[in-house]
Amino acid sequence: MNIQLLRDKFQMLRLTSRSRLSNLVATSASFYFSKWTRSTYHWGLPVSIAIEPTTSCNLRCPECPSGLRSFSRATGMIDTALFEKVISQLQKKTSYLTFYFQGEPYLHKQFLQMVQYAVSKKIYTATSTNGHYLTPEMAEATVKSGLHRLIISIDGTTQNVYEQYRIGGDLAKVLEGAKNMIAARRKLQSYTPHVIFQFLVVKPNEHQISEVQKLPVK
């Protein structure tokens, strides 16, 4: 286990409180008791939650409703007042916030302000991005927001392969964004966010699995 991963795990442990730990015990107990009795019991509040900042995306990935523009549910940007209301209701029990789903989080203009709000409530925050909006300024703002984990999708080592799935994407821009993120973290002498480079394996890029680890993003 590398030092960055250890620091990430420490961040999670550091945010654990007595009320959150008791909530974890309660929710776990309700699961196993329900399984044992074959009846439904629900104790406690969510240990972790997933909130989608937006359903919008700049890319057109062929297996994503956002990319296909084919949602069967309501679309748009989450209202920040609603977000803060949910967080304030759950903050004493919830410890982990997955801050993404099918849209590109950085398209929400108040995304980092919402991250900062969740962090102020001592909730671990994680998000995923296609990396196209990580300018030097946005990278520094991300570090300053207190975001704990940032997943950057790098799904190809050459443009012609990358764009077969990430339709409309620019690999050079993604790699530059990744470099900006690492540089911002070093400049601000921060251990967060813990940066994870994600390689989604699909048929067009499966031959590049070994090559992706050699990309110059550090």
N, C-alpha and C. Protein backbone atom coordinates (compact mmCIF):
# COMPACT_ATOMS: atom_id res chain seq x y z
N MET A 1 0.85 -1.19 0.00
CA MET A 1 0.00 0.00 0.00
C MET A 1 0.89 1.25 0.00
N ASN A 2 0.70 2.17 -0.99
CA ASN A 2 1.56 3.35 -1.07
C ASN A 2 1.15 4.42 -0.06
N ILE A 3 2.02 5.40 0.08
CA ILE A 3 1.83 6.42 1.11
C ILE A 3 0.58 7.26 0.85
N GLN A 4 0.29 7.53 -0.44
CA GLN A 4 -0.89 8.32 -0.77
C GLN A 4 -2.18 7.60 -0.36
N LEU A 5 -2.21 6.30 -0.59
CA LEU A 5 -3.39 5.52 -0.22
C LEU A 5 -3.55 5.46 1.30
N LEU A 6 -2.43 5.34 2.00
CA LEU A 6 -2.47 5.33 3.46
C LEU A 6 -3.02 6.65 4.00
N ARG A 7 -2.58 7.74 3.41
CA ARG A 7 -3.08 9.06 3.83
C ARG A 7 -4.58 9.18 3.56
N ASP A 8 -5.02 8.62 2.44
CA ASP A 8 -6.43 8.65 2.10
C ASP A 8 -7.25 7.88 3.13
N LYS A 9 -6.78 6.71 3.51
CA LYS A 9 -7.48 5.90 4.51
C LYS A 9 -7.50 6.61 5.86
N PHE A 10 -6.41 7.29 6.15
CA PHE A 10 -6.33 8.04 7.42
C PHE A 10 -7.37 9.17 7.44
N GLN A 11 -7.56 9.83 6.29
CA GLN A 11 -8.55 10.89 6.21
C GLN A 11 -9.94 10.35 6.56
N MET A 12 -10.27 9.16 6.07
CA MET A 12 -11.56 8.56 6.38
C MET A 12 -11.69 8.28 7.87
N LEU A 13 -10.65 7.71 8.45
CA LEU A 13 -10.69 7.38 9.87
C LEU A 13 -10.77 8.64 10.72
N ARG A 14 -10.09 9.68 10.30
CA ARG A 14 -10.05 10.93 11.06
C ARG A 14 -11.44 11.57 11.16
N LEU A 15 -12.27 11.31 10.16
CA LEU A 15 -13.61 11.91 10.12
C LEU A 15 -14.66 11.08 10.85
N THR A 16 -14.24 9.93 11.38
CA THR A 16 -15.18 9.07 12.10
C THR A 16 -15.48 9.66 13.48
N SER A 17 -16.77 9.72 13.83
CA SER A 17 -17.19 10.22 15.13
C SER A 17 -17.98 9.13 15.85
N ARG A 18 -18.25 9.36 17.10
CA ARG A 18 -19.01 8.36 17.87
C ARG A 18 -20.41 8.15 17.28
N SER A 19 -21.07 9.25 16.89
CA SER A 19 -22.42 9.12 16.34
C SER A 19 -22.41 8.41 15.00
N ARG A 20 -21.38 8.65 14.19
CA ARG A 20 -21.29 7.98 12.89
C ARG A 20 -20.95 6.50 13.06
N LEU A 21 -20.13 6.22 14.04
CA LEU A 21 -19.78 4.82 14.29
C LEU A 21 -21.00 4.05 14.79
N SER A 22 -21.77 4.66 15.69
CA SER A 22 -22.98 3.99 16.20
C SER A 22 -24.01 3.82 15.09
N ASN A 23 -24.05 4.77 14.17
CA ASN A 23 -24.96 4.66 13.04
C ASN A 23 -24.55 3.51 12.12
N LEU A 24 -23.25 3.34 11.92
CA LEU A 24 -22.74 2.23 11.12
C LEU A 24 -23.12 0.89 11.74
N VAL A 25 -22.99 0.80 13.05
CA VAL A 25 -23.37 -0.43 13.77
C VAL A 25 -24.86 -0.70 13.59
N ALA A 26 -25.67 0.35 13.71
CA ALA A 26 -27.13 0.21 13.61
C ALA A 26 -27.56 -0.25 12.22
N THR A 27 -27.00 0.38 11.19
CA THR A 27 -27.38 0.01 9.82
C THR A 27 -26.90 -1.40 9.48
N SER A 28 -25.70 -1.74 9.93
CA SER A 28 -25.18 -3.09 9.68
C SER A 28 -26.02 -4.14 10.40
N ALA A 29 -26.38 -3.83 11.65
CA ALA A 29 -27.20 -4.77 12.43
C ALA A 29 -28.56 -4.97 11.78
N SER A 30 -29.16 -3.91 11.29
CA SER A 30 -30.48 -4.03 10.65
C SER A 30 -30.40 -4.90 9.40
N PHE A 31 -29.29 -4.80 8.66
CA PHE A 31 -29.12 -5.62 7.46
C PHE A 31 -29.05 -7.11 7.82
N TYR A 32 -28.17 -7.42 8.76
CA TYR A 32 -27.99 -8.84 9.11
C TYR A 32 -29.20 -9.41 9.84
N PHE A 33 -29.88 -8.58 10.64
CA PHE A 33 -31.07 -9.06 11.34
C PHE A 33 -32.21 -9.31 10.34
N SER A 34 -32.32 -8.44 9.36
CA SER A 34 -33.33 -8.61 8.32
C SER A 34 -33.06 -9.88 7.51
N LYS A 35 -31.79 -10.11 7.23
CA LYS A 35 -31.41 -11.30 6.48
C LYS A 35 -31.71 -12.57 7.27
N TRP A 36 -31.44 -12.52 8.57
CA TRP A 36 -31.65 -13.68 9.44
C TRP A 36 -33.14 -13.98 9.64
N THR A 37 -33.94 -12.93 9.84
CA THR A 37 -35.37 -13.12 10.11
C THR A 37 -36.21 -13.17 8.84
N ARG A 38 -35.61 -12.79 7.70
CA ARG A 38 -36.33 -12.72 6.43
C ARG A 38 -37.50 -11.74 6.50
N SER A 39 -37.30 -10.72 7.29
CA SER A 39 -38.24 -9.61 7.41
C SER A 39 -37.45 -8.32 7.25
N THR A 40 -38.14 -7.23 7.06
CA THR A 40 -37.45 -5.96 6.82
C THR A 40 -37.36 -5.13 8.10
N TYR A 41 -36.14 -4.81 8.47
CA TYR A 41 -35.87 -3.92 9.60
C TYR A 41 -34.88 -2.86 9.13
N HIS A 42 -35.11 -1.63 9.53
CA HIS A 42 -34.24 -0.55 9.10
C HIS A 42 -33.93 0.37 10.27
N TRP A 43 -32.70 0.29 10.74
CA TRP A 43 -32.26 1.14 11.84
C TRP A 43 -31.14 2.05 11.34
N GLY A 44 -31.14 3.27 11.78
CA GLY A 44 -30.08 4.19 11.42
C GLY A 44 -30.37 4.95 10.13
N LEU A 45 -29.46 5.86 9.80
CA LEU A 45 -29.52 6.67 8.59
C LEU A 45 -28.40 6.22 7.64
N PRO A 46 -28.42 6.69 6.39
CA PRO A 46 -27.39 6.26 5.44
C PRO A 46 -25.97 6.53 5.95
N VAL A 47 -25.11 5.54 5.83
CA VAL A 47 -23.70 5.70 6.18
C VAL A 47 -22.99 6.51 5.11
N SER A 48 -23.37 6.27 3.87
CA SER A 48 -22.83 7.03 2.74
C SER A 48 -23.97 7.40 1.80
N ILE A 49 -23.78 8.48 1.07
CA ILE A 49 -24.80 8.92 0.12
C ILE A 49 -24.15 9.28 -1.20
N ALA A 50 -24.94 9.22 -2.27
CA ALA A 50 -24.47 9.63 -3.60
C ALA A 50 -25.35 10.77 -4.08
N ILE A 51 -24.73 11.86 -4.44
CA ILE A 51 -25.45 13.03 -4.95
C ILE A 51 -24.85 13.40 -6.31
N GLU A 52 -25.72 13.56 -7.28
CA GLU A 52 -25.30 13.90 -8.64
C GLU A 52 -25.42 15.41 -8.83
N PRO A 53 -24.31 16.13 -8.96
CA PRO A 53 -24.39 17.59 -9.11
C PRO A 53 -25.15 18.02 -10.37
N THR A 54 -24.98 17.25 -11.45
CA THR A 54 -25.62 17.58 -12.72
C THR A 54 -25.74 16.34 -13.59
N THR A 55 -26.72 16.37 -14.48
CA THR A 55 -26.83 15.29 -15.48
C THR A 55 -26.17 15.70 -16.79
N SER A 56 -25.68 16.92 -16.87
CA SER A 56 -25.05 17.43 -18.09
C SER A 56 -23.64 16.88 -18.26
N CYS A 57 -23.22 16.75 -19.51
CA CYS A 57 -21.84 16.32 -19.79
C CYS A 57 -21.40 16.89 -21.13
N ASN A 58 -20.11 17.15 -21.22
CA ASN A 58 -19.53 17.69 -22.45
C ASN A 58 -19.20 16.59 -23.45
N LEU A 59 -19.21 15.34 -23.02
CA LEU A 59 -18.88 14.22 -23.91
C LEU A 59 -20.13 13.43 -24.28
N ARG A 60 -19.95 12.50 -25.22
CA ARG A 60 -21.08 11.69 -25.69
C ARG A 60 -20.71 10.20 -25.66
N CYS A 61 -20.35 9.73 -24.50
CA CYS A 61 -19.96 8.33 -24.35
C CYS A 61 -21.16 7.43 -24.67
N PRO A 62 -20.95 6.36 -25.45
CA PRO A 62 -22.05 5.58 -26.00
C PRO A 62 -22.81 4.70 -25.02
N GLU A 63 -22.32 4.53 -23.81
CA GLU A 63 -23.02 3.68 -22.85
C GLU A 63 -23.58 4.47 -21.66
N CYS A 64 -23.62 5.78 -21.79
CA CYS A 64 -24.08 6.64 -20.70
C CYS A 64 -25.31 7.44 -21.14
N PRO A 65 -26.37 7.45 -20.33
CA PRO A 65 -27.56 8.24 -20.68
C PRO A 65 -27.23 9.72 -20.89
N SER A 66 -26.25 10.23 -20.15
CA SER A 66 -25.87 11.63 -20.33
C SER A 66 -25.24 11.84 -21.70
N GLY A 67 -24.34 10.93 -22.07
CA GLY A 67 -23.70 11.02 -23.38
C GLY A 67 -24.68 10.84 -24.52
N LEU A 68 -25.63 9.96 -24.33
CA LEU A 68 -26.63 9.68 -25.36
C LEU A 68 -27.78 10.69 -25.36
N ARG A 69 -27.81 11.54 -24.31
CA ARG A 69 -28.90 12.49 -24.14
C ARG A 69 -30.24 11.76 -24.13
N SER A 70 -30.27 10.67 -23.36
CA SER A 70 -31.46 9.81 -23.39
C SER A 70 -31.97 9.47 -21.99
N PHE A 71 -31.99 10.45 -21.10
CA PHE A 71 -32.48 10.22 -19.76
C PHE A 71 -33.98 9.95 -19.74
N SER A 72 -34.37 9.04 -18.87
CA SER A 72 -35.80 8.79 -18.65
C SER A 72 -36.24 9.41 -17.33
N ARG A 73 -35.40 10.26 -16.76
CA ARG A 73 -35.68 10.94 -15.50
C ARG A 73 -35.41 12.43 -15.67
N ALA A 74 -35.76 13.19 -14.68
CA ALA A 74 -35.54 14.64 -14.74
C ALA A 74 -34.05 14.96 -14.85
N THR A 75 -33.73 15.99 -15.61
CA THR A 75 -32.33 16.39 -15.80
C THR A 75 -32.12 17.82 -15.35
N GLY A 76 -30.84 18.18 -15.21
CA GLY A 76 -30.51 19.55 -14.83
C GLY A 76 -29.42 19.61 -13.78
N MET A 77 -29.36 20.71 -13.06
CA MET A 77 -28.37 20.96 -12.02
C MET A 77 -29.05 20.90 -10.65
N ILE A 78 -28.38 20.29 -9.68
CA ILE A 78 -28.97 20.24 -8.35
C ILE A 78 -28.99 21.65 -7.74
N ASP A 79 -30.06 21.95 -7.05
CA ASP A 79 -30.18 23.23 -6.36
C ASP A 79 -29.30 23.22 -5.12
N THR A 80 -28.47 24.22 -4.96
CA THR A 80 -27.52 24.24 -3.84
C THR A 80 -28.23 24.28 -2.49
N ALA A 81 -29.38 24.94 -2.44
CA ALA A 81 -30.13 24.99 -1.17
C ALA A 81 -30.63 23.60 -0.79
N LEU A 82 -31.07 22.84 -1.78
CA LEU A 82 -31.51 21.47 -1.52
C LEU A 82 -30.33 20.62 -1.07
N PHE A 83 -29.19 20.80 -1.73
CA PHE A 83 -27.99 20.06 -1.35
C PHE A 83 -27.62 20.33 0.11
N GLU A 84 -27.57 21.59 0.48
CA GLU A 84 -27.19 21.94 1.85
C GLU A 84 -28.21 21.42 2.86
N LYS A 85 -29.48 21.40 2.49
CA LYS A 85 -30.51 20.89 3.37
C LYS A 85 -30.30 19.40 3.64
N VAL A 86 -30.01 18.64 2.58
CA VAL A 86 -29.77 17.20 2.74
C VAL A 86 -28.54 16.94 3.61
N ILE A 87 -27.47 17.67 3.34
CA ILE A 87 -26.23 17.49 4.11
C ILE A 87 -26.45 17.85 5.58
N SER A 88 -27.16 18.93 5.84
CA SER A 88 -27.39 19.35 7.23
C SER A 88 -28.23 18.33 7.99
N GLN A 89 -29.12 17.64 7.28
CA GLN A 89 -29.96 16.63 7.92
C GLN A 89 -29.20 15.35 8.23
N LEU A 90 -28.18 15.05 7.43
CA LEU A 90 -27.48 13.78 7.56
C LEU A 90 -26.08 13.88 8.17
N GLN A 91 -25.59 15.08 8.40
CA GLN A 91 -24.19 15.28 8.75
C GLN A 91 -23.72 14.53 9.99
N LYS A 92 -24.60 14.32 10.95
CA LYS A 92 -24.17 13.67 12.19
C LYS A 92 -24.04 12.16 12.03
N LYS A 93 -24.65 11.60 10.98
CA LYS A 93 -24.65 10.15 10.80
C LYS A 93 -23.89 9.69 9.57
N THR A 94 -23.87 10.52 8.53
CA THR A 94 -23.26 10.14 7.25
C THR A 94 -21.81 10.58 7.20
N SER A 95 -20.95 9.69 6.70
CA SER A 95 -19.52 9.99 6.70
C SER A 95 -18.90 10.04 5.30
N TYR A 96 -19.63 9.60 4.27
CA TYR A 96 -19.03 9.49 2.93
C TYR A 96 -20.01 10.02 1.89
N LEU A 97 -19.52 10.91 1.03
CA LEU A 97 -20.34 11.49 -0.03
C LEU A 97 -19.71 11.17 -1.39
N THR A 98 -20.42 10.38 -2.20
CA THR A 98 -20.02 10.14 -3.58
C THR A 98 -20.67 11.24 -4.41
N PHE A 99 -19.86 12.14 -4.93
CA PHE A 99 -20.37 13.37 -5.53
C PHE A 99 -20.32 13.32 -7.06
N TYR A 100 -20.89 12.27 -7.63
CA TYR A 100 -20.95 12.14 -9.08
C TYR A 100 -21.84 10.96 -9.44
N PHE A 101 -22.26 10.89 -10.69
CA PHE A 101 -22.94 9.71 -11.21
C PHE A 101 -22.78 9.70 -12.73
N GLN A 102 -23.74 10.27 -13.46
CA GLN A 102 -23.67 10.18 -14.92
C GLN A 102 -23.35 11.51 -15.61
N GLY A 103 -23.25 12.58 -14.86
CA GLY A 103 -22.91 13.87 -15.45
C GLY A 103 -21.48 14.26 -15.11
N GLU A 104 -21.02 15.35 -15.67
CA GLU A 104 -19.69 15.89 -15.38
C GLU A 104 -19.82 16.93 -14.27
N PRO A 105 -19.35 16.63 -13.05
CA PRO A 105 -19.55 17.51 -11.89
C PRO A 105 -19.08 18.95 -12.10
N TYR A 106 -17.98 19.14 -12.82
CA TYR A 106 -17.42 20.48 -12.95
C TYR A 106 -18.26 21.41 -13.82
N LEU A 107 -19.30 20.88 -14.46
CA LEU A 107 -20.20 21.73 -15.21
C LEU A 107 -21.15 22.52 -14.30
N HIS A 108 -21.29 22.06 -13.06
CA HIS A 108 -22.11 22.80 -12.09
C HIS A 108 -21.25 23.94 -11.53
N LYS A 109 -21.69 25.17 -11.73
CA LYS A 109 -20.88 26.33 -11.36
C LYS A 109 -20.60 26.42 -9.86
N GLN A 110 -21.48 25.82 -9.06
CA GLN A 110 -21.27 25.86 -7.60
C GLN A 110 -20.74 24.53 -7.06
N PHE A 111 -20.22 23.70 -7.93
CA PHE A 111 -19.77 22.37 -7.51
C PHE A 111 -18.77 22.43 -6.35
N LEU A 112 -17.73 23.21 -6.50
CA LEU A 112 -16.69 23.25 -5.46
C LEU A 112 -17.17 23.93 -4.19
N GLN A 113 -18.11 24.84 -4.30
CA GLN A 113 -18.70 25.42 -3.10
C GLN A 113 -19.48 24.37 -2.33
N MET A 114 -20.15 23.49 -3.05
CA MET A 114 -20.89 22.41 -2.40
C MET A 114 -19.94 21.41 -1.76
N VAL A 115 -18.84 21.13 -2.43
CA VAL A 115 -17.81 20.27 -1.84
C VAL A 115 -17.33 20.88 -0.54
N GLN A 116 -17.02 22.16 -0.58
CA GLN A 116 -16.52 22.85 0.60
C GLN A 116 -17.52 22.80 1.75
N TYR A 117 -18.80 22.88 1.43
CA TYR A 117 -19.84 22.82 2.46
C TYR A 117 -19.84 21.44 3.12
N ALA A 118 -19.79 20.39 2.30
CA ALA A 118 -19.77 19.03 2.85
C ALA A 118 -18.52 18.79 3.68
N VAL A 119 -17.39 19.28 3.21
CA VAL A 119 -16.14 19.14 3.96
C VAL A 119 -16.22 19.86 5.29
N SER A 120 -16.88 21.01 5.32
CA SER A 120 -17.02 21.77 6.57
C SER A 120 -17.84 20.99 7.60
N LYS A 121 -18.65 20.05 7.12
CA LYS A 121 -19.43 19.19 8.02
C LYS A 121 -18.69 17.89 8.32
N LYS A 122 -17.42 17.85 7.94
CA LYS A 122 -16.54 16.71 8.19
C LYS A 122 -17.04 15.43 7.52
N ILE A 123 -17.50 15.58 6.28
CA ILE A 123 -17.92 14.44 5.47
C ILE A 123 -16.85 14.20 4.40
N TYR A 124 -16.45 12.94 4.24
CA TYR A 124 -15.47 12.58 3.22
C TYR A 124 -16.12 12.72 1.85
N THR A 125 -15.45 13.43 0.94
CA THR A 125 -16.03 13.71 -0.37
C THR A 125 -15.18 13.09 -1.48
N ALA A 126 -15.86 12.47 -2.44
CA ALA A 126 -15.17 11.86 -3.59
C ALA A 126 -15.93 12.19 -4.86
N THR A 127 -15.21 12.52 -5.92
CA THR A 127 -15.86 12.79 -7.19
C THR A 127 -15.05 12.20 -8.34
N SER A 128 -15.67 12.17 -9.51
CA SER A 128 -15.03 11.64 -10.71
C SER A 128 -15.25 12.62 -11.85
N THR A 129 -14.24 12.81 -12.68
CA THR A 129 -14.31 13.78 -13.76
C THR A 129 -13.67 13.22 -15.03
N ASN A 130 -14.11 13.73 -16.16
CA ASN A 130 -13.44 13.36 -17.41
C ASN A 130 -12.20 14.21 -17.66
N GLY A 131 -11.94 15.16 -16.77
CA GLY A 131 -10.67 15.88 -16.78
C GLY A 131 -10.56 17.06 -17.71
N HIS A 132 -11.61 17.44 -18.41
CA HIS A 132 -11.49 18.50 -19.41
C HIS A 132 -11.54 19.91 -18.81
N TYR A 133 -11.92 20.03 -17.54
CA TYR A 133 -12.08 21.36 -16.95
C TYR A 133 -11.04 21.67 -15.87
N LEU A 134 -10.00 20.86 -15.79
CA LEU A 134 -8.99 21.05 -14.75
C LEU A 134 -7.90 22.02 -15.21
N THR A 135 -8.29 23.26 -15.40
CA THR A 135 -7.32 24.31 -15.68
C THR A 135 -6.46 24.53 -14.43
N PRO A 136 -5.34 25.23 -14.54
CA PRO A 136 -4.55 25.52 -13.33
C PRO A 136 -5.38 26.18 -12.23
N GLU A 137 -6.25 27.12 -12.61
CA GLU A 137 -7.08 27.82 -11.63
C GLU A 137 -8.10 26.88 -10.99
N MET A 138 -8.73 26.04 -11.81
CA MET A 138 -9.72 25.11 -11.29
C MET A 138 -9.06 24.03 -10.43
N ALA A 139 -7.87 23.62 -10.81
CA ALA A 139 -7.13 22.62 -10.02
C ALA A 139 -6.82 23.17 -8.63
N GLU A 140 -6.37 24.42 -8.57
CA GLU A 140 -6.07 25.03 -7.27
C GLU A 140 -7.35 25.20 -6.45
N ALA A 141 -8.43 25.58 -7.11
CA ALA A 141 -9.70 25.74 -6.40
C ALA A 141 -10.18 24.40 -5.84
N THR A 142 -9.90 23.34 -6.57
CA THR A 142 -10.28 21.99 -6.12
C THR A 142 -9.52 21.62 -4.86
N VAL A 143 -8.23 21.88 -4.85
CA VAL A 143 -7.43 21.59 -3.66
C VAL A 143 -7.94 22.41 -2.47
N LYS A 144 -8.20 23.68 -2.70
CA LYS A 144 -8.65 24.57 -1.63
C LYS A 144 -10.04 24.20 -1.11
N SER A 145 -10.84 23.53 -1.93
CA SER A 145 -12.19 23.15 -1.50
C SER A 145 -12.15 22.08 -0.41
N GLY A 146 -11.03 21.34 -0.35
CA GLY A 146 -10.91 20.28 0.64
C GLY A 146 -11.34 18.92 0.14
N LEU A 147 -11.68 18.81 -1.15
CA LEU A 147 -12.08 17.53 -1.74
C LEU A 147 -11.08 16.45 -1.36
N HIS A 148 -11.60 15.30 -0.93
CA HIS A 148 -10.72 14.23 -0.45
C HIS A 148 -10.22 13.29 -1.54
N ARG A 149 -11.09 12.99 -2.52
CA ARG A 149 -10.69 12.03 -3.56
C ARG A 149 -11.18 12.52 -4.92
N LEU A 150 -10.28 12.44 -5.92
CA LEU A 150 -10.61 12.85 -7.27
C LEU A 150 -10.21 11.75 -8.24
N ILE A 151 -11.20 11.21 -8.95
CA ILE A 151 -10.96 10.18 -9.96
C ILE A 151 -10.95 10.86 -11.32
N ILE A 152 -9.88 10.68 -12.08
CA ILE A 152 -9.77 11.25 -13.42
C ILE A 152 -9.77 10.11 -14.43
N SER A 153 -10.72 10.14 -15.35
CA SER A 153 -10.84 9.07 -16.34
C SER A 153 -9.87 9.30 -17.50
N ILE A 154 -8.95 8.36 -17.66
CA ILE A 154 -8.01 8.38 -18.79
C ILE A 154 -8.17 7.05 -19.51
N ASP A 155 -9.03 7.04 -20.52
CA ASP A 155 -9.45 5.76 -21.11
C ASP A 155 -8.83 5.49 -22.47
N GLY A 156 -7.55 5.82 -22.59
CA GLY A 156 -6.81 5.55 -23.80
C GLY A 156 -5.47 6.26 -23.74
N THR A 157 -4.50 5.76 -24.46
CA THR A 157 -3.18 6.38 -24.43
C THR A 157 -2.89 7.15 -25.72
N THR A 158 -3.77 7.05 -26.69
CA THR A 158 -3.66 7.81 -27.93
C THR A 158 -5.03 8.41 -28.24
N GLN A 159 -5.04 9.53 -28.93
CA GLN A 159 -6.30 10.22 -29.20
C GLN A 159 -7.28 9.36 -29.99
N ASN A 160 -6.78 8.65 -31.01
CA ASN A 160 -7.68 7.88 -31.86
C ASN A 160 -8.37 6.75 -31.11
N VAL A 161 -7.70 6.20 -30.08
CA VAL A 161 -8.31 5.15 -29.26
C VAL A 161 -9.20 5.78 -28.20
N TYR A 162 -8.71 6.81 -27.54
CA TYR A 162 -9.46 7.48 -26.48
C TYR A 162 -10.83 7.95 -26.96
N GLU A 163 -10.88 8.57 -28.13
CA GLU A 163 -12.11 9.18 -28.60
C GLU A 163 -13.14 8.16 -29.12
N GLN A 164 -12.75 6.89 -29.21
CA GLN A 164 -13.72 5.89 -29.64
C GLN A 164 -14.77 5.64 -28.56
N TYR A 165 -14.40 5.83 -27.30
CA TYR A 165 -15.38 5.73 -26.23
C TYR A 165 -15.73 7.13 -25.71
N ARG A 166 -14.71 7.92 -25.41
CA ARG A 166 -14.94 9.28 -24.92
C ARG A 166 -15.16 10.20 -26.12
N ILE A 167 -16.33 10.04 -26.74
CA ILE A 167 -16.63 10.76 -27.97
C ILE A 167 -16.73 12.27 -27.70
N GLY A 168 -15.94 13.01 -28.47
CA GLY A 168 -15.90 14.45 -28.29
C GLY A 168 -14.81 14.89 -27.34
N GLY A 169 -14.05 13.93 -26.80
CA GLY A 169 -13.02 14.25 -25.82
C GLY A 169 -11.66 14.52 -26.44
N ASP A 170 -10.81 15.17 -25.68
CA ASP A 170 -9.45 15.54 -26.11
C ASP A 170 -8.47 14.99 -25.09
N LEU A 171 -7.77 13.92 -25.44
CA LEU A 171 -6.85 13.26 -24.50
C LEU A 171 -5.77 14.21 -24.02
N ALA A 172 -5.24 15.04 -24.92
CA ALA A 172 -4.17 15.97 -24.53
C ALA A 172 -4.67 16.92 -23.43
N LYS A 173 -5.91 17.33 -23.54
CA LYS A 173 -6.50 18.24 -22.53
C LYS A 173 -6.67 17.52 -21.20
N VAL A 174 -7.04 16.24 -21.25
CA VAL A 174 -7.20 15.46 -20.03
C VAL A 174 -5.86 15.28 -19.33
N LEU A 175 -4.84 14.94 -20.09
CA LEU A 175 -3.51 14.74 -19.51
C LEU A 175 -2.97 16.05 -18.92
N GLU A 176 -3.25 17.16 -19.62
CA GLU A 176 -2.82 18.47 -19.10
C GLU A 176 -3.56 18.77 -17.80
N GLY A 177 -4.85 18.44 -17.76
CA GLY A 177 -5.63 18.66 -16.55
C GLY A 177 -5.11 17.84 -15.39
N ALA A 178 -4.72 16.60 -15.67
CA ALA A 178 -4.16 15.73 -14.63
C ALA A 178 -2.86 16.33 -14.09
N LYS A 179 -2.02 16.83 -14.98
CA LYS A 179 -0.77 17.47 -14.56
C LYS A 179 -1.06 18.71 -13.71
N ASN A 180 -2.06 19.47 -14.13
CA ASN A 180 -2.42 20.68 -13.37
C ASN A 180 -2.86 20.32 -11.95
N MET A 181 -3.59 19.21 -11.84
CA MET A 181 -4.08 18.78 -10.53
C MET A 181 -2.93 18.40 -9.61
N ILE A 182 -2.00 17.64 -10.13
CA ILE A 182 -0.83 17.23 -9.33
C ILE A 182 0.01 18.44 -8.96
N ALA A 183 0.18 19.35 -9.92
CA ALA A 183 0.98 20.56 -9.67
C ALA A 183 0.33 21.44 -8.61
N ALA A 184 -0.99 21.57 -8.67
CA ALA A 184 -1.70 22.40 -7.69
C ALA A 184 -1.57 21.83 -6.29
N ARG A 185 -1.66 20.54 -6.18
CA ARG A 185 -1.54 19.90 -4.87
C ARG A 185 -0.15 20.13 -4.29
N ARG A 186 0.86 20.02 -5.13
CA ARG A 186 2.23 20.26 -4.68
C ARG A 186 2.44 21.72 -4.31
N LYS A 187 1.92 22.61 -5.14
CA LYS A 187 2.08 24.05 -4.89
C LYS A 187 1.48 24.44 -3.56
N LEU A 188 0.31 23.89 -3.25
CA LEU A 188 -0.39 24.23 -2.02
C LEU A 188 -0.02 23.31 -0.86
N GLN A 189 0.94 22.41 -1.12
CA GLN A 189 1.45 21.49 -0.10
C GLN A 189 0.31 20.75 0.60
N SER A 190 -0.53 20.15 -0.22
CA SER A 190 -1.71 19.45 0.28
C SER A 190 -1.64 17.96 -0.06
N TYR A 191 -2.11 17.13 0.86
CA TYR A 191 -2.20 15.70 0.59
C TYR A 191 -3.50 15.35 -0.14
N THR A 192 -4.41 16.29 -0.17
CA THR A 192 -5.70 16.05 -0.81
C THR A 192 -5.89 17.01 -1.99
N PRO A 193 -6.67 16.57 -3.00
CA PRO A 193 -7.36 15.29 -3.04
C PRO A 193 -6.44 14.14 -3.41
N HIS A 194 -6.81 12.95 -2.94
CA HIS A 194 -6.13 11.72 -3.37
C HIS A 194 -6.55 11.49 -4.82
N VAL A 195 -5.60 11.54 -5.74
CA VAL A 195 -5.91 11.45 -7.18
C VAL A 195 -5.79 10.00 -7.66
N ILE A 196 -6.84 9.54 -8.31
CA ILE A 196 -6.87 8.19 -8.88
C ILE A 196 -7.08 8.31 -10.38
N PHE A 197 -6.22 7.70 -11.16
CA PHE A 197 -6.38 7.69 -12.61
C PHE A 197 -7.12 6.41 -13.00
N GLN A 198 -8.30 6.58 -13.58
CA GLN A 198 -9.15 5.45 -13.92
C GLN A 198 -9.05 5.12 -15.40
N PHE A 199 -8.88 3.84 -15.69
CA PHE A 199 -8.82 3.37 -17.07
C PHE A 199 -9.97 2.38 -17.27
N LEU A 200 -11.04 2.86 -17.89
CA LEU A 200 -12.20 2.02 -18.15
C LEU A 200 -11.91 1.15 -19.36
N VAL A 201 -11.81 -0.15 -19.14
CA VAL A 201 -11.43 -1.06 -20.22
C VAL A 201 -12.63 -1.39 -21.09
N VAL A 202 -12.51 -1.05 -22.37
CA VAL A 202 -13.50 -1.42 -23.38
C VAL A 202 -12.72 -2.01 -24.56
N LYS A 203 -13.43 -2.60 -25.49
CA LYS A 203 -12.76 -3.30 -26.58
C LYS A 203 -11.72 -2.45 -27.33
N PRO A 204 -12.02 -1.19 -27.66
CA PRO A 204 -11.04 -0.39 -28.42
C PRO A 204 -9.72 -0.12 -27.69
N ASN A 205 -9.74 -0.12 -26.32
CA ASN A 205 -8.52 0.27 -25.61
C ASN A 205 -7.87 -0.86 -24.81
N GLU A 206 -8.42 -2.07 -24.87
CA GLU A 206 -7.91 -3.14 -24.02
C GLU A 206 -6.45 -3.48 -24.30
N HIS A 207 -5.97 -3.17 -25.50
CA HIS A 207 -4.57 -3.44 -25.84
C HIS A 207 -3.62 -2.39 -25.25
N GLN A 208 -4.18 -1.35 -24.61
CA GLN A 208 -3.35 -0.28 -24.06
C GLN A 208 -3.25 -0.31 -22.54
N ILE A 209 -3.72 -1.38 -21.93
CA ILE A 209 -3.71 -1.47 -20.46
C ILE A 209 -2.30 -1.26 -19.91
N SER A 210 -1.31 -1.91 -20.50
CA SER A 210 0.06 -1.78 -20.00
C SER A 210 0.65 -0.42 -20.30
N GLU A 211 0.17 0.23 -21.35
CA GLU A 211 0.73 1.52 -21.75
C GLU A 211 0.24 2.67 -20.87
N VAL A 212 -0.96 2.55 -20.33
CA VAL A 212 -1.55 3.67 -19.60
C VAL A 212 -0.73 4.04 -18.37
N GLN A 213 -0.06 3.06 -17.77
CA GLN A 213 0.74 3.32 -16.57
C GLN A 213 1.98 4.14 -16.88
N LYS A 214 2.31 4.28 -18.15
CA LYS A 214 3.52 5.02 -18.55
C LYS A 214 3.21 6.44 -18.98
N LEU A 215 1.94 6.82 -18.95
CA LEU A 215 1.59 8.17 -19.39
C LEU A 215 2.22 9.23 -18.48
N PRO A 216 2.73 10.33 -19.05
CA PRO A 216 3.40 11.37 -18.25
C PRO A 216 2.42 12.33 -17.60
N VAL A 217 1.84 11.90 -16.47
CA VAL A 217 0.87 12.77 -15.80
C VAL A 217 1.37 13.27 -14.44
N LYS A 218 2.52 12.84 -13.99
CA LYS A 218 3.03 13.23 -12.69
C LYS A 218 4.08 14.32 -12.77
